[in-house]
Amino acid sequence: MQIEDVLLRLEKSKFRRRFHLTDADKAYVYHKGMVTVQRHAEDFINKRLAPAYLENDGKQTPMKGHPVFLAQHATACCCRGCLAKWHHIPPYREMTVQEKEYVVHLLMAWIEKQMGDYQPPVLEYEQMSLDL
């Protein structure tokens, strides 16, 4: 299934579609860059989602604190239960390289879509003149 098709299917979920990046999240992505945010996503997936057994499965992904966390909830990549239900990635075994790549690609596609044509606000400072 194509990533765009998956995103459209997720948008039909009342729960999943309520997640959006805040202005602070967008500013973070803008200033850090997509490459850095993708590295964060890869790290989070490898440590918090990919292992076969997770002590706190279902509770390991915070609802705020990083744009990737919001993306995980919006795309049903927040726990192994949601991965099984929405993406047919079985629990109780380590995720394959291809599965991890799929999840990261999905997360980044959602973040990119949320970013749209975001530009950080321009701060205007009063021009100062010095009389010397």
C-alpha atoms as a PDB file:
ATOM      1  CA  MET A   1       0.000   0.000   0.000  1.00  0.00           C
ATOM      2  CA  GLN A   2       1.260   3.466  -0.869  1.00  0.00           C
ATOM      3  CA  ILE A   3       2.130   5.861   1.955  1.00  0.00           C
ATOM      4  CA  GLU A   4      -0.399   8.432   0.708  1.00  0.00           C
ATOM      5  CA  ASP A   5      -3.147   5.776   0.778  1.00  0.00           C
ATOM      6  CA  VAL A   6      -2.220   4.873   4.354  1.00  0.00           C
ATOM      7  CA  LEU A   7      -2.329   8.539   5.386  1.00  0.00           C
ATOM      8  CA  LEU A   8      -5.777   8.932   3.804  1.00  0.00           C
ATOM      9  CA  ARG A   9      -7.037   5.851   5.646  1.00  0.00           C
ATOM     10  CA  LEU A  10      -5.660   7.156   8.956  1.00  0.00           C
ATOM     11  CA  GLU A  11      -7.335  10.541   8.420  1.00  0.00           C
ATOM     12  CA  LYS A  12     -10.702   8.764   8.529  1.00  0.00           C
ATOM     13  CA  SER A  13     -10.079   7.770  12.145  1.00  0.00           C
ATOM     14  CA  LYS A  14     -11.634  10.265  14.556  1.00  0.00           C
ATOM     15  CA  PHE A  15      -8.805   9.573  17.032  1.00  0.00           C
ATOM     16  CA  ARG A  16      -5.874   9.720  14.569  1.00  0.00           C
ATOM     17  CA  ARG A  17      -6.970  12.862  12.735  1.00  0.00           C
ATOM     18  CA  ARG A  18      -7.017  14.952  15.904  1.00  0.00           C
ATOM     19  CA  PHE A  19      -3.214  15.027  16.023  1.00  0.00           C
ATOM     20  CA  HIS A  20      -1.502  18.062  14.496  1.00  0.00           C
ATOM     21  CA  LEU A  21       1.909  19.628  14.881  1.00  0.00           C
ATOM     22  CA  THR A  22       1.849  22.738  17.053  1.00  0.00           C
ATOM     23  CA  ASP A  23       3.598  25.920  15.955  1.00  0.00           C
ATOM     24  CA  ALA A  24       6.412  25.030  18.364  1.00  0.00           C
ATOM     25  CA  ASP A  25       6.721  21.564  16.779  1.00  0.00           C
ATOM     26  CA  LYS A  26       6.823  23.101  13.307  1.00  0.00           C
ATOM     27  CA  ALA A  27       9.479  25.581  14.393  1.00  0.00           C
ATOM     28  CA  TYR A  28      11.513  22.701  15.824  1.00  0.00           C
ATOM     29  CA  VAL A  29      11.318  20.761  12.542  1.00  0.00           C
ATOM     30  CA  TYR A  30      12.093  23.890  10.532  1.00  0.00           C
ATOM     31  CA  HIS A  31      15.180  24.763  12.575  1.00  0.00           C
ATOM     32  CA  LYS A  32      16.512  21.224  13.073  1.00  0.00           C
ATOM     33  CA  GLY A  33      15.753  20.127   9.509  1.00  0.00           C
ATOM     34  CA  MET A  34      14.049  17.023   8.171  1.00  0.00           C
ATOM     35  CA  VAL A  35      17.286  15.012   8.086  1.00  0.00           C
ATOM     36  CA  THR A  36      17.832  15.474  11.830  1.00  0.00           C
ATOM     37  CA  VAL A  37      14.180  14.783  12.643  1.00  0.00           C
ATOM     38  CA  GLN A  38      14.369  11.605  10.553  1.00  0.00           C
ATOM     39  CA  ARG A  39      17.418  10.482  12.546  1.00  0.00           C
ATOM     40  CA  HIS A  40      15.404  11.084  15.720  1.00  0.00           C
ATOM     41  CA  ALA A  41      12.537   9.017  14.268  1.00  0.00           C
ATOM     42  CA  GLU A  42      14.907   6.164  13.413  1.00  0.00           C
ATOM     43  CA  ASP A  43      16.352   6.252  16.924  1.00  0.00           C
ATOM     44  CA  PHE A  44      12.916   6.306  18.595  1.00  0.00           C
ATOM     45  CA  ILE A  45      11.685   3.403  16.452  1.00  0.00           C
ATOM     46  CA  ASN A  46      14.807   1.318  17.070  1.00  0.00           C
ATOM     47  CA  LYS A  47      14.688   1.835  20.836  1.00  0.00           C
ATOM     48  CA  ARG A  48      10.976   2.154  21.633  1.00  0.00           C
ATOM     49  CA  LEU A  49       9.134   0.112  19.007  1.00  0.00           C
ATOM     50  CA  ALA A  50      11.332  -2.382  17.155  1.00  0.00           C
ATOM     51  CA  PRO A  51      12.243  -4.812  19.980  1.00  0.00           C
ATOM     52  CA  ALA A  52      10.188  -8.006  20.235  1.00  0.00           C
ATOM     53  CA  TYR A  53       9.151  -7.385  23.832  1.00  0.00           C
ATOM     54  CA  LEU A  54       8.532  -4.022  25.400  1.00  0.00           C
ATOM     55  CA  GLU A  55       7.753  -3.755  29.111  1.00  0.00           C
ATOM     56  CA  ASN A  56       5.595  -0.695  28.664  1.00  0.00           C
ATOM     57  CA  ASP A  57       4.029  -1.441  25.273  1.00  0.00           C
ATOM     58  CA  GLY A  58       1.046   0.812  24.764  1.00  0.00           C
ATOM     59  CA  LYS A  59       2.525   3.499  26.989  1.00  0.00           C
ATOM     60  CA  GLN A  60       5.989   4.069  25.523  1.00  0.00           C
ATOM     61  CA  THR A  61       5.145   6.999  23.259  1.00  0.00           C
ATOM     62  CA  PRO A  62       4.446  10.348  24.939  1.00  0.00           C
ATOM     63  CA  MET A  63       1.623  12.504  23.572  1.00  0.00           C
ATOM     64  CA  LYS A  64       3.901  15.549  23.337  1.00  0.00           C
ATOM     65  CA  GLY A  65       7.511  16.603  23.599  1.00  0.00           C
ATOM     66  CA  HIS A  66       8.744  15.861  20.071  1.00  0.00           C
ATOM     67  CA  PRO A  67       7.143  16.089  16.615  1.00  0.00           C
ATOM     68  CA  VAL A  68       7.906  12.412  16.003  1.00  0.00           C
ATOM     69  CA  PHE A  69       5.802  11.424  19.037  1.00  0.00           C
ATOM     70  CA  LEU A  70       2.768  13.209  17.580  1.00  0.00           C
ATOM     71  CA  ALA A  71       3.460  11.612  14.201  1.00  0.00           C
ATOM     72  CA  GLN A  72       3.581   8.187  15.844  1.00  0.00           C
ATOM     73  CA  HIS A  73       0.119   8.666  17.349  1.00  0.00           C
ATOM     74  CA  ALA A  74      -1.313  10.186  14.167  1.00  0.00           C
ATOM     75  CA  THR A  75      -0.032   7.286  12.060  1.00  0.00           C
ATOM     76  CA  ALA A  76      -0.772   4.456  14.516  1.00  0.00           C
ATOM     77  CA  CYS A  77       2.936   3.741  14.960  1.00  0.00           C
ATOM     78  CA  CYS A  78       2.910   4.437  18.688  1.00  0.00           C
ATOM     79  CA  CYS A  79       2.905   0.864  20.025  1.00  0.00           C
ATOM     80  CA  ARG A  80       3.080  -2.690  18.760  1.00  0.00           C
ATOM     81  CA  GLY A  81      -0.671  -3.128  19.222  1.00  0.00           C
ATOM     82  CA  CYS A  82      -1.437  -0.221  16.896  1.00  0.00           C
ATOM     83  CA  LEU A  83       1.213  -1.402  14.436  1.00  0.00           C
ATOM     84  CA  ALA A  84      -0.475  -4.808  14.316  1.00  0.00           C
ATOM     85  CA  LYS A  85      -3.989  -3.392  13.946  1.00  0.00           C
ATOM     86  CA  TRP A  86      -3.281  -0.687  11.373  1.00  0.00           C
ATOM     87  CA  HIS A  87      -0.163  -1.879   9.542  1.00  0.00           C
ATOM     88  CA  HIS A  88      -0.249  -5.674  10.014  1.00  0.00           C
ATOM     89  CA  ILE A  89       3.193  -5.724  11.638  1.00  0.00           C
ATOM     90  CA  PRO A  90       2.980  -8.580  14.139  1.00  0.00           C
ATOM     91  CA  PRO A  91       3.966  -8.063  17.775  1.00  0.00           C
ATOM     92  CA  TYR A  92       6.265 -10.308  19.838  1.00  0.00           C
ATOM     93  CA  ARG A  93       9.077 -10.395  17.313  1.00  0.00           C
ATOM     94  CA  GLU A  94      11.702  -7.836  16.414  1.00  0.00           C
ATOM     95  CA  MET A  95      10.690  -5.593  13.552  1.00  0.00           C
ATOM     96  CA  THR A  96      12.507  -6.194  10.275  1.00  0.00           C
ATOM     97  CA  VAL A  97      14.664  -3.564   8.607  1.00  0.00           C
ATOM     98  CA  GLN A  98      11.958  -3.109   5.954  1.00  0.00           C
ATOM     99  CA  GLU A  99       9.247  -2.616   8.591  1.00  0.00           C
ATOM    100  CA  LYS A 100      11.335  -0.032  10.422  1.00  0.00           C
ATOM    101  CA  GLU A 101      12.034   1.806   7.158  1.00  0.00           C
ATOM    102  CA  TYR A 102       8.307   1.769   6.316  1.00  0.00           C
ATOM    103  CA  VAL A 103       7.398   3.245   9.718  1.00  0.00           C
ATOM    104  CA  VAL A 104      10.035   5.979   9.503  1.00  0.00           C
ATOM    105  CA  HIS A 105       8.966   6.826   5.941  1.00  0.00           C
ATOM    106  CA  LEU A 106       5.329   7.051   7.068  1.00  0.00           C
ATOM    107  CA  LEU A 107       6.226   9.266  10.045  1.00  0.00           C
ATOM    108  CA  MET A 108       8.262  11.611   7.879  1.00  0.00           C
ATOM    109  CA  ALA A 109       5.529  11.793   5.220  1.00  0.00           C
ATOM    110  CA  TRP A 110       3.026  12.805   7.912  1.00  0.00           C
ATOM    111  CA  ILE A 111       5.418  15.423   9.326  1.00  0.00           C
ATOM    112  CA  GLU A 112       6.141  16.795   5.853  1.00  0.00           C
ATOM    113  CA  LYS A 113       2.414  17.055   5.148  1.00  0.00           C
ATOM    114  CA  GLN A 114       1.869  18.833   8.474  1.00  0.00           C
ATOM    115  CA  MET A 115       4.682  21.276   7.730  1.00  0.00           C
ATOM    116  CA  GLY A 116       3.066  22.377   4.474  1.00  0.00           C
ATOM    117  CA  ASP A 117       4.597  25.708   3.512  1.00  0.00           C
ATOM    118  CA  TYR A 118       5.438  26.639   7.102  1.00  0.00           C
ATOM    119  CA  GLN A 119       7.725  29.601   7.582  1.00  0.00           C
ATOM    120  CA  PRO A 120       8.712  30.734  11.072  1.00  0.00           C
ATOM    121  CA  PRO A 121       7.319  34.081  12.141  1.00  0.00           C
ATOM    122  CA  VAL A 122       9.489  37.051  11.334  1.00  0.00           C
ATOM    123  CA  LEU A 123      10.528  38.948  14.405  1.00  0.00           C
ATOM    124  CA  GLU A 124      10.549  42.654  13.869  1.00  0.00           C
ATOM    125  CA  TYR A 125      12.866  44.761  15.950  1.00  0.00           C
ATOM    126  CA  GLU A 126      12.711  48.493  16.184  1.00  0.00           C
ATOM    127  CA  GLN A 127      15.578  50.003  14.339  1.00  0.00           C
ATOM    128  CA  MET A 128      17.896  51.606  16.817  1.00  0.00           C
ATOM    129  CA  SER A 129      19.846  54.718  16.004  1.00  0.00           C
ATOM    130  CA  LEU A 130      22.847  55.757  17.961  1.00  0.00           C
ATOM    131  CA  ASP A 131      23.682  59.406  18.264  1.00  0.00           C
ATOM    132  CA  LEU A 132      27.393  59.482  18.801  1.00  0.00           C
END
